[in-house]
Amino acid sequence: MSPAEMLRNKAAEIRKSILAVAVKNGAGHIAPSLSCVEILVALYYRVMNYRDGDGTWPERDRLVFSKGHGAYALYAILADKGVIPWSDWEGFYTERSTLVGCAERNLRYGIEASCGALGHGLPMAVGLAFGAKVRAQSYHTYCIVGDGETQEGATWEAIQFAVKHELDNLTIVVDRNRLQAMDFVKNIMDCGDNDLQRRMEGFGLQAEVCPGHDTGRLVELFTKLKATKRNRPALVIAETVKGAGCPCMENVAKFHFRIPSPEELRMGG
């Protein structure tokens, strides 16, 4: 089996685990968790400097998951890598587990920051990257943000700081599924289809747009960006589908927190 096939299979395995655990335990934020599966698989299984079973290894690359309500993929991957105990993942969203609906900082479990309030993850990631630069530490920081949360003012303050201080040890990844909560982003703040990229570049970043469900392309891009010498953070806009891999949920606004019924799961529509 080729490395590309292995990554695709791993993404399918993680997606299956998310659906099984979330539906069984009544955890609602399934759709926003499914859009970022391939992004996280590419990072944790190929790109990031990360030691399985050890979420506190000092030399690890850091990942701040800013869209904290959609963290089920992160939990499933960290459980698969032996950082989160499997029993805690299987019991997620119940009294049998310490894991909660929105990601909360727990370094032992590999969770770098509490991100239930949207728009706060990127400022924290910028702080981690700035701290590493000041202390001459070699780790790289990644931050996964939702396209809806980029409307938050703190996002733009953080970008300005990161550009000013030339934080080339930071990669910002936008999970651009074009939905926020119960509606499409364009219906909340419609500034044109390419406006996100133009605004980011206006603040000093250079955007790389990539299919967000192609693990091979993502690995290639993340690897290239990590190795490239530059004087600013890297920015990846990953074009994704909310609810990807579950046909009844794909690109359907009502499934932001709704759990699909058995009939919907069987029908796939």
C-alpha atoms as a PDB file:
ATOM      1  CA  MET A   1       0.000   0.000   0.000  1.00  0.00           C
ATOM      2  CA  SER A   2       1.353   3.424  -0.977  1.00  0.00           C
ATOM      3  CA  PRO A   3       1.809   6.237   1.574  1.00  0.00           C
ATOM      4  CA  ALA A   4      -1.022   8.151  -0.126  1.00  0.00           C
ATOM      5  CA  GLU A   5      -3.377   5.182   0.200  1.00  0.00           C
ATOM      6  CA  MET A   6      -2.406   4.723   3.832  1.00  0.00           C
ATOM      7  CA  LEU A   7      -3.305   8.337   4.574  1.00  0.00           C
ATOM      8  CA  ARG A   8      -6.654   8.048   2.780  1.00  0.00           C
ATOM      9  CA  ASN A   9      -7.434   4.899   4.726  1.00  0.00           C
ATOM     10  CA  LYS A  10      -6.452   6.568   7.990  1.00  0.00           C
ATOM     11  CA  ALA A  11      -8.766   9.505   7.252  1.00  0.00           C
ATOM     12  CA  ALA A  12     -11.617   7.073   6.544  1.00  0.00           C
ATOM     13  CA  GLU A  13     -10.859   5.237   9.791  1.00  0.00           C
ATOM     14  CA  ILE A  14     -10.872   8.475  11.817  1.00  0.00           C
ATOM     15  CA  ARG A  15     -14.116   9.608  10.157  1.00  0.00           C
ATOM     16  CA  LYS A  16     -15.765   6.273  11.004  1.00  0.00           C
ATOM     17  CA  SER A  17     -14.601   6.579  14.606  1.00  0.00           C
ATOM     18  CA  ILE A  18     -16.020  10.112  14.910  1.00  0.00           C
ATOM     19  CA  LEU A  19     -19.431   9.058  13.645  1.00  0.00           C
ATOM     20  CA  ALA A  20     -19.568   5.933  15.781  1.00  0.00           C
ATOM     21  CA  VAL A  21     -18.624   7.645  19.053  1.00  0.00           C
ATOM     22  CA  ALA A  22     -20.555  10.874  18.508  1.00  0.00           C
ATOM     23  CA  VAL A  23     -23.812   9.254  17.407  1.00  0.00           C
ATOM     24  CA  LYS A  24     -23.670   6.643  20.170  1.00  0.00           C
ATOM     25  CA  ASN A  25     -22.995   9.208  22.894  1.00  0.00           C
ATOM     26  CA  GLY A  26     -25.220  12.025  21.604  1.00  0.00           C
ATOM     27  CA  ALA A  27     -22.435  14.510  20.806  1.00  0.00           C
ATOM     28  CA  GLY A  28     -23.788  17.050  18.347  1.00  0.00           C
ATOM     29  CA  HIS A  29     -20.911  18.873  16.651  1.00  0.00           C
ATOM     30  CA  ILE A  30     -20.245  16.119  14.126  1.00  0.00           C
ATOM     31  CA  ALA A  31     -20.384  18.116  10.875  1.00  0.00           C
ATOM     32  CA  PRO A  32     -17.730  20.721  11.847  1.00  0.00           C
ATOM     33  CA  SER A  33     -15.510  17.878  13.045  1.00  0.00           C
ATOM     34  CA  LEU A  34     -15.737  16.027   9.724  1.00  0.00           C
ATOM     35  CA  SER A  35     -14.567  18.944   7.573  1.00  0.00           C
ATOM     36  CA  CYS A  36     -11.071  18.984   9.086  1.00  0.00           C
ATOM     37  CA  VAL A  37     -10.262  15.247   9.203  1.00  0.00           C
ATOM     38  CA  GLU A  38      -7.799  15.219   6.299  1.00  0.00           C
ATOM     39  CA  ILE A  39      -6.090  18.398   7.511  1.00  0.00           C
ATOM     40  CA  LEU A  40      -5.391  16.839  10.900  1.00  0.00           C
ATOM     41  CA  VAL A  41      -4.442  13.441   9.457  1.00  0.00           C
ATOM     42  CA  ALA A  42      -1.894  15.085   7.150  1.00  0.00           C
ATOM     43  CA  LEU A  43      -0.375  17.027  10.047  1.00  0.00           C
ATOM     44  CA  TYR A  44      -0.300  14.345  12.752  1.00  0.00           C
ATOM     45  CA  TYR A  45       0.657  11.338  10.618  1.00  0.00           C
ATOM     46  CA  ARG A  46       3.123  12.914   8.189  1.00  0.00           C
ATOM     47  CA  VAL A  47       4.138  16.513   8.842  1.00  0.00           C
ATOM     48  CA  MET A  48       4.328  17.423  12.522  1.00  0.00           C
ATOM     49  CA  ASN A  49       7.246  16.512  14.716  1.00  0.00           C
ATOM     50  CA  TYR A  50       5.248  14.489  17.218  1.00  0.00           C
ATOM     51  CA  ARG A  51       5.916  11.520  19.489  1.00  0.00           C
ATOM     52  CA  ASP A  52       3.101   8.991  19.798  1.00  0.00           C
ATOM     53  CA  GLY A  53       1.927   8.452  23.348  1.00  0.00           C
ATOM     54  CA  ASP A  54       3.608  11.590  24.691  1.00  0.00           C
ATOM     55  CA  GLY A  55       1.613  14.811  24.508  1.00  0.00           C
ATOM     56  CA  THR A  56       4.137  16.738  26.620  1.00  0.00           C
ATOM     57  CA  TRP A  57       7.348  15.985  24.697  1.00  0.00           C
ATOM     58  CA  PRO A  58       9.171  19.371  24.793  1.00  0.00           C
ATOM     59  CA  GLU A  59      10.310  19.218  21.151  1.00  0.00           C
ATOM     60  CA  ARG A  60       6.861  18.454  19.734  1.00  0.00           C
ATOM     61  CA  ASP A  61       5.278  20.731  17.178  1.00  0.00           C
ATOM     62  CA  ARG A  62       2.266  22.505  18.680  1.00  0.00           C
ATOM     63  CA  LEU A  63      -1.245  22.484  17.233  1.00  0.00           C
ATOM     64  CA  VAL A  64      -3.873  24.920  18.486  1.00  0.00           C
ATOM     65  CA  PHE A  65      -7.360  23.885  17.403  1.00  0.00           C
ATOM     66  CA  SER A  66      -9.152  27.220  17.380  1.00  0.00           C
ATOM     67  CA  LYS A  67     -12.528  25.954  16.098  1.00  0.00           C
ATOM     68  CA  GLY A  68     -12.801  24.119  19.394  1.00  0.00           C
ATOM     69  CA  HIS A  69     -16.382  22.847  19.003  1.00  0.00           C
ATOM     70  CA  GLY A  70     -15.257  20.706  16.051  1.00  0.00           C
ATOM     71  CA  ALA A  71     -12.530  18.879  17.951  1.00  0.00           C
ATOM     72  CA  TYR A  72     -13.876  15.335  17.602  1.00  0.00           C
ATOM     73  CA  ALA A  73     -11.367  14.586  14.818  1.00  0.00           C
ATOM     74  CA  LEU A  74      -8.552  15.825  17.062  1.00  0.00           C
ATOM     75  CA  TYR A  75      -9.736  13.588  19.921  1.00  0.00           C
ATOM     76  CA  ALA A  76     -10.017  10.551  17.642  1.00  0.00           C
ATOM     77  CA  ILE A  77      -6.525  11.081  16.235  1.00  0.00           C
ATOM     78  CA  LEU A  78      -4.908  11.636  19.641  1.00  0.00           C
ATOM     79  CA  ALA A  79      -6.623   8.481  20.895  1.00  0.00           C
ATOM     80  CA  ASP A  80      -5.375   6.576  17.844  1.00  0.00           C
ATOM     81  CA  LYS A  81      -1.840   7.823  18.573  1.00  0.00           C
ATOM     82  CA  GLY A  82      -2.024   6.712  22.205  1.00  0.00           C
ATOM     83  CA  VAL A  83      -2.031  10.187  23.746  1.00  0.00           C
ATOM     84  CA  ILE A  84      -5.670  10.190  24.873  1.00  0.00           C
ATOM     85  CA  PRO A  85      -6.703   6.917  26.546  1.00  0.00           C
ATOM     86  CA  TRP A  86      -9.030   5.014  24.211  1.00  0.00           C
ATOM     87  CA  SER A  87     -11.584   4.599  26.979  1.00  0.00           C
ATOM     88  CA  ASP A  88     -11.822   8.384  27.350  1.00  0.00           C
ATOM     89  CA  TRP A  89     -12.476   8.763  23.629  1.00  0.00           C
ATOM     90  CA  GLU A  90     -15.072   5.979  23.558  1.00  0.00           C
ATOM     91  CA  GLY A  91     -16.819   7.580  26.539  1.00  0.00           C
ATOM     92  CA  PHE A  92     -16.590  11.111  25.102  1.00  0.00           C
ATOM     93  CA  TYR A  93     -19.501  13.410  25.981  1.00  0.00           C
ATOM     94  CA  THR A  94     -20.575  11.151  28.864  1.00  0.00           C
ATOM     95  CA  GLU A  95     -19.788  11.099  32.577  1.00  0.00           C
ATOM     96  CA  ARG A  96     -17.380   8.233  31.875  1.00  0.00           C
ATOM     97  CA  SER A  97     -14.929  10.595  30.158  1.00  0.00           C
ATOM     98  CA  THR A  98     -12.994  13.749  30.998  1.00  0.00           C
ATOM     99  CA  LEU A  99     -13.287  14.964  27.384  1.00  0.00           C
ATOM    100  CA  VAL A 100     -15.834  17.709  26.793  1.00  0.00           C
ATOM    101  CA  GLY A 101     -17.644  19.157  23.788  1.00  0.00           C
ATOM    102  CA  CYS A 102     -15.199  22.025  23.152  1.00  0.00           C
ATOM    103  CA  ALA A 103     -11.460  21.451  23.368  1.00  0.00           C
ATOM    104  CA  GLU A 104      -9.990  22.298  26.795  1.00  0.00           C
ATOM    105  CA  ARG A 105      -6.260  22.567  27.479  1.00  0.00           C
ATOM    106  CA  ASN A 106      -4.804  19.313  28.732  1.00  0.00           C
ATOM    107  CA  LEU A 107      -1.157  18.807  27.785  1.00  0.00           C
ATOM    108  CA  ARG A 108      -1.176  15.229  29.038  1.00  0.00           C
ATOM    109  CA  TYR A 109      -3.851  14.579  26.420  1.00  0.00           C
ATOM    110  CA  GLY A 110      -2.057  16.588  23.743  1.00  0.00           C
ATOM    111  CA  ILE A 111      -4.521  19.482  23.752  1.00  0.00           C
ATOM    112  CA  GLU A 112      -2.520  22.703  23.686  1.00  0.00           C
ATOM    113  CA  ALA A 113      -5.249  25.310  24.331  1.00  0.00           C
ATOM    114  CA  SER A 114      -8.856  25.825  25.439  1.00  0.00           C
ATOM    115  CA  CYS A 115     -10.760  27.091  22.415  1.00  0.00           C
ATOM    116  CA  GLY A 116     -14.476  26.976  23.145  1.00  0.00           C
ATOM    117  CA  ALA A 117     -14.732  30.717  22.484  1.00  0.00           C
ATOM    118  CA  LEU A 118     -14.141  31.243  18.769  1.00  0.00           C
ATOM    119  CA  GLY A 119     -11.501  33.687  17.612  1.00  0.00           C
ATOM    120  CA  HIS A 120      -9.148  33.086  20.549  1.00  0.00           C
ATOM    121  CA  GLY A 121      -7.061  30.200  19.228  1.00  0.00           C
ATOM    122  CA  LEU A 122      -4.974  32.155  16.747  1.00  0.00           C
ATOM    123  CA  PRO A 123      -3.816  34.736  19.320  1.00  0.00           C
ATOM    124  CA  MET A 124      -2.706  31.858  21.572  1.00  0.00           C
ATOM    125  CA  ALA A 125      -0.912  30.142  18.674  1.00  0.00           C
ATOM    126  CA  VAL A 126       0.853  33.414  17.870  1.00  0.00           C
ATOM    127  CA  GLY A 127       1.974  33.570  21.497  1.00  0.00           C
ATOM    128  CA  LEU A 128       3.382  30.038  21.317  1.00  0.00           C
ATOM    129  CA  ALA A 129       5.246  30.826  18.104  1.00  0.00           C
ATOM    130  CA  PHE A 130       6.578  34.124  19.462  1.00  0.00           C
ATOM    131  CA  GLY A 131       7.726  32.411  22.656  1.00  0.00           C
ATOM    132  CA  ALA A 132       9.572  29.762  20.659  1.00  0.00           C
ATOM    133  CA  LYS A 133      11.323  32.419  18.606  1.00  0.00           C
ATOM    134  CA  VAL A 134      12.372  34.430  21.670  1.00  0.00           C
ATOM    135  CA  ARG A 135      13.716  31.309  23.396  1.00  0.00           C
ATOM    136  CA  ALA A 136      15.315  29.938  20.209  1.00  0.00           C
ATOM    137  CA  GLN A 137      13.223  26.757  20.377  1.00  0.00           C
ATOM    138  CA  SER A 138      12.787  24.728  17.218  1.00  0.00           C
ATOM    139  CA  TYR A 139       9.155  23.618  17.392  1.00  0.00           C
ATOM    140  CA  HIS A 140       6.637  24.751  14.774  1.00  0.00           C
ATOM    141  CA  THR A 141       3.127  25.935  15.682  1.00  0.00           C
ATOM    142  CA  TYR A 142       0.017  25.160  13.644  1.00  0.00           C
ATOM    143  CA  CYS A 143      -3.378  26.755  14.162  1.00  0.00           C
ATOM    144  CA  ILE A 144      -6.640  25.437  12.666  1.00  0.00           C
ATOM    145  CA  VAL A 145      -9.268  28.166  12.371  1.00  0.00           C
ATOM    146  CA  GLY A 146     -12.767  28.149  10.912  1.00  0.00           C
ATOM    147  CA  ASP A 147     -13.655  30.567   8.142  1.00  0.00           C
ATOM    148  CA  GLY A 148     -16.577  31.919  10.175  1.00  0.00           C
ATOM    149  CA  GLU A 149     -14.412  32.778  13.158  1.00  0.00           C
ATOM    150  CA  THR A 150     -12.132  34.922  10.997  1.00  0.00           C
ATOM    151  CA  GLN A 151     -14.797  37.611  11.450  1.00  0.00           C
ATOM    152  CA  GLU A 152     -13.489  38.063  14.997  1.00  0.00           C
ATOM    153  CA  GLY A 153     -11.314  41.166  15.507  1.00  0.00           C
ATOM    154  CA  ALA A 154      -8.774  39.252  17.597  1.00  0.00           C
ATOM    155  CA  THR A 155      -7.900  37.229  14.502  1.00  0.00           C
ATOM    156  CA  TRP A 156      -6.682  40.315  12.674  1.00  0.00           C
ATOM    157  CA  GLU A 157      -4.795  41.695  15.671  1.00  0.00           C
ATOM    158  CA  ALA A 158      -2.983  38.370  15.955  1.00  0.00           C
ATOM    159  CA  ILE A 159      -2.104  38.335  12.253  1.00  0.00           C
ATOM    160  CA  GLN A 160      -0.684  41.859  12.464  1.00  0.00           C
ATOM    161  CA  PHE A 161       1.497  40.860  15.434  1.00  0.00           C
ATOM    162  CA  ALA A 162       2.665  37.671  13.709  1.00  0.00           C
ATOM    163  CA  VAL A 163       3.603  39.538  10.525  1.00  0.00           C
ATOM    164  CA  LYS A 164       5.307  42.344  12.457  1.00  0.00           C
ATOM    165  CA  HIS A 165       7.477  39.843  14.350  1.00  0.00           C
ATOM    166  CA  GLU A 166       8.157  37.674  11.280  1.00  0.00           C
ATOM    167  CA  LEU A 167       6.872  34.464  12.847  1.00  0.00           C
ATOM    168  CA  ASP A 168       7.936  32.020  10.163  1.00  0.00           C
ATOM    169  CA  ASN A 169       7.539  29.205  12.694  1.00  0.00           C
ATOM    170  CA  LEU A 170       3.731  29.539  12.475  1.00  0.00           C
ATOM    171  CA  THR A 171       1.334  28.010   9.954  1.00  0.00           C
ATOM    172  CA  ILE A 172      -2.292  29.180   9.924  1.00  0.00           C
ATOM    173  CA  VAL A 173      -4.760  26.737   8.358  1.00  0.00           C
ATOM    174  CA  VAL A 174      -8.269  27.959   7.537  1.00  0.00           C
ATOM    175  CA  ASP A 175     -10.858  25.167   7.401  1.00  0.00           C
ATOM    176  CA  ARG A 176     -12.953  26.882   4.764  1.00  0.00           C
ATOM    177  CA  ASN A 177     -16.209  24.913   4.728  1.00  0.00           C
ATOM    178  CA  ARG A 178     -18.236  28.100   4.053  1.00  0.00           C
ATOM    179  CA  LEU A 179     -20.660  27.468   6.920  1.00  0.00           C
ATOM    180  CA  GLN A 180     -20.794  28.987  10.384  1.00  0.00           C
ATOM    181  CA  ALA A 181     -23.204  27.662  12.960  1.00  0.00           C
ATOM    182  CA  MET A 182     -26.630  27.440  11.333  1.00  0.00           C
ATOM    183  CA  ASP A 183     -26.038  29.360   8.113  1.00  0.00           C
ATOM    184  CA  PHE A 184     -23.621  29.943   5.254  1.00  0.00           C
ATOM    185  CA  VAL A 185     -20.820  32.436   5.860  1.00  0.00           C
ATOM    186  CA  LYS A 186     -21.924  34.489   2.849  1.00  0.00           C
ATOM    187  CA  ASN A 187     -25.310  35.052   4.509  1.00  0.00           C
ATOM    188  CA  ILE A 188     -23.675  36.359   7.692  1.00  0.00           C
ATOM    189  CA  MET A 189     -20.948  38.551   6.201  1.00  0.00           C
ATOM    190  CA  ASP A 190     -20.931  38.455   2.415  1.00  0.00           C
ATOM    191  CA  CYS A 191     -17.792  40.171   1.152  1.00  0.00           C
ATOM    192  CA  GLY A 192     -17.299  38.184  -2.042  1.00  0.00           C
ATOM    193  CA  ASP A 193     -16.015  34.685  -2.737  1.00  0.00           C
ATOM    194  CA  ASN A 194     -12.309  35.558  -2.728  1.00  0.00           C
ATOM    195  CA  ASP A 195     -12.422  38.209  -0.038  1.00  0.00           C
ATOM    196  CA  LEU A 196     -10.909  36.043   2.712  1.00  0.00           C
ATOM    197  CA  GLN A 197      -7.761  35.482   0.672  1.00  0.00           C
ATOM    198  CA  ARG A 198      -7.522  39.160  -0.319  1.00  0.00           C
ATOM    199  CA  ARG A 199      -7.928  40.336   3.267  1.00  0.00           C
ATOM    200  CA  MET A 200      -5.324  37.885   4.585  1.00  0.00           C
ATOM    201  CA  GLU A 201      -2.873  38.974   1.915  1.00  0.00           C
ATOM    202  CA  GLY A 202      -3.662  42.621   2.647  1.00  0.00           C
ATOM    203  CA  PHE A 203      -2.463  41.989   6.202  1.00  0.00           C
ATOM    204  CA  GLY A 204       0.879  40.700   4.919  1.00  0.00           C
ATOM    205  CA  LEU A 205       0.308  36.970   4.486  1.00  0.00           C
ATOM    206  CA  GLN A 206       0.660  34.961   1.289  1.00  0.00           C
ATOM    207  CA  ALA A 207      -2.196  32.489   0.883  1.00  0.00           C
ATOM    208  CA  GLU A 208      -1.866  28.963  -0.483  1.00  0.00           C
ATOM    209  CA  VAL A 209      -5.268  27.546  -1.480  1.00  0.00           C
ATOM    210  CA  CYS A 210      -5.534  23.752  -1.365  1.00  0.00           C
ATOM    211  CA  PRO A 211      -8.242  21.046  -1.606  1.00  0.00           C
ATOM    212  CA  GLY A 212      -8.904  20.309   2.057  1.00  0.00           C
ATOM    213  CA  HIS A 213      -9.819  16.645   1.624  1.00  0.00           C
ATOM    214  CA  ASP A 214      -6.775  15.622  -0.423  1.00  0.00           C
ATOM    215  CA  THR A 215      -4.301  14.291   2.132  1.00  0.00           C
ATOM    216  CA  GLY A 216      -1.535  13.920  -0.437  1.00  0.00           C
ATOM    217  CA  ARG A 217      -1.769  17.534  -1.571  1.00  0.00           C
ATOM    218  CA  LEU A 218      -1.984  18.733   2.020  1.00  0.00           C
ATOM    219  CA  VAL A 219       1.117  16.798   3.080  1.00  0.00           C
ATOM    220  CA  GLU A 220       3.042  18.128   0.095  1.00  0.00           C
ATOM    221  CA  LEU A 221       2.024  21.712   0.818  1.00  0.00           C
ATOM    222  CA  PHE A 222       2.572  21.601   4.588  1.00  0.00           C
ATOM    223  CA  THR A 223       5.982  19.990   4.107  1.00  0.00           C
ATOM    224  CA  LYS A 224       7.038  22.598   1.553  1.00  0.00           C
ATOM    225  CA  LEU A 225       5.880  25.498   3.716  1.00  0.00           C
ATOM    226  CA  LYS A 226       7.613  24.164   6.828  1.00  0.00           C
ATOM    227  CA  ALA A 227      10.911  23.892   4.969  1.00  0.00           C
ATOM    228  CA  THR A 228      10.681  27.253   3.187  1.00  0.00           C
ATOM    229  CA  LYS A 229      12.670  30.162   4.561  1.00  0.00           C
ATOM    230  CA  ARG A 230      10.568  33.316   4.749  1.00  0.00           C
ATOM    231  CA  ASN A 231       9.930  36.255   7.062  1.00  0.00           C
ATOM    232  CA  ARG A 232       6.228  35.740   7.799  1.00  0.00           C
ATOM    233  CA  PRO A 233       3.759  33.050   8.878  1.00  0.00           C
ATOM    234  CA  ALA A 234       2.479  30.561   6.324  1.00  0.00           C
ATOM    235  CA  LEU A 235      -1.218  30.558   5.438  1.00  0.00           C
ATOM    236  CA  VAL A 236      -3.170  27.645   3.969  1.00  0.00           C
ATOM    237  CA  ILE A 237      -6.805  28.075   2.958  1.00  0.00           C
ATOM    238  CA  ALA A 238      -8.141  24.521   2.804  1.00  0.00           C
ATOM    239  CA  GLU A 239     -11.338  24.229   0.753  1.00  0.00           C
ATOM    240  CA  THR A 240     -13.504  21.742   2.648  1.00  0.00           C
ATOM    241  CA  VAL A 241     -17.085  20.492   2.982  1.00  0.00           C
ATOM    242  CA  LYS A 242     -18.858  20.617   6.317  1.00  0.00           C
ATOM    243  CA  GLY A 243     -20.022  17.104   7.186  1.00  0.00           C
ATOM    244  CA  ALA A 244     -17.659  15.567   4.603  1.00  0.00           C
ATOM    245  CA  GLY A 245     -17.972  11.794   4.327  1.00  0.00           C
ATOM    246  CA  CYS A 246     -21.516  11.620   5.687  1.00  0.00           C
ATOM    247  CA  PRO A 247     -23.786  12.343   2.682  1.00  0.00           C
ATOM    248  CA  CYS A 248     -26.858  13.360   4.656  1.00  0.00           C
ATOM    249  CA  MET A 249     -24.850  16.056   6.455  1.00  0.00           C
ATOM    250  CA  GLU A 250     -22.614  17.412   3.695  1.00  0.00           C
ATOM    251  CA  ASN A 251     -23.014  21.171   3.228  1.00  0.00           C
ATOM    252  CA  VAL A 252     -26.342  21.149   5.121  1.00  0.00           C
ATOM    253  CA  ALA A 253     -26.571  24.012   7.608  1.00  0.00           C
ATOM    254  CA  LYS A 254     -29.044  22.337   9.979  1.00  0.00           C
ATOM    255  CA  PHE A 255     -26.471  19.680  10.889  1.00  0.00           C
ATOM    256  CA  HIS A 256     -24.147  22.085  12.704  1.00  0.00           C
ATOM    257  CA  PHE A 257     -25.183  20.504  16.013  1.00  0.00           C
ATOM    258  CA  ARG A 258     -27.853  18.056  14.926  1.00  0.00           C
ATOM    259  CA  ILE A 259     -27.206  14.318  15.229  1.00  0.00           C
ATOM    260  CA  PRO A 260     -28.341  12.361  12.164  1.00  0.00           C
ATOM    261  CA  SER A 261     -31.022   9.748  12.718  1.00  0.00           C
ATOM    262  CA  PRO A 262     -30.397   6.077  11.842  1.00  0.00           C
ATOM    263  CA  GLU A 263     -32.646   6.535   8.816  1.00  0.00           C
ATOM    264  CA  GLU A 264     -30.644   9.553   7.610  1.00  0.00           C
ATOM    265  CA  LEU A 265     -27.380   7.665   8.066  1.00  0.00           C
ATOM    266  CA  ARG A 266     -28.725   4.695   6.094  1.00  0.00           C
ATOM    267  CA  MET A 267     -30.268   6.807   3.332  1.00  0.00           C
ATOM    268  CA  GLY A 268     -27.238   9.039   2.934  1.00  0.00           C
ATOM    269  CA  GLY A 269     -29.398  11.994   2.023  1.00  0.00           C
END
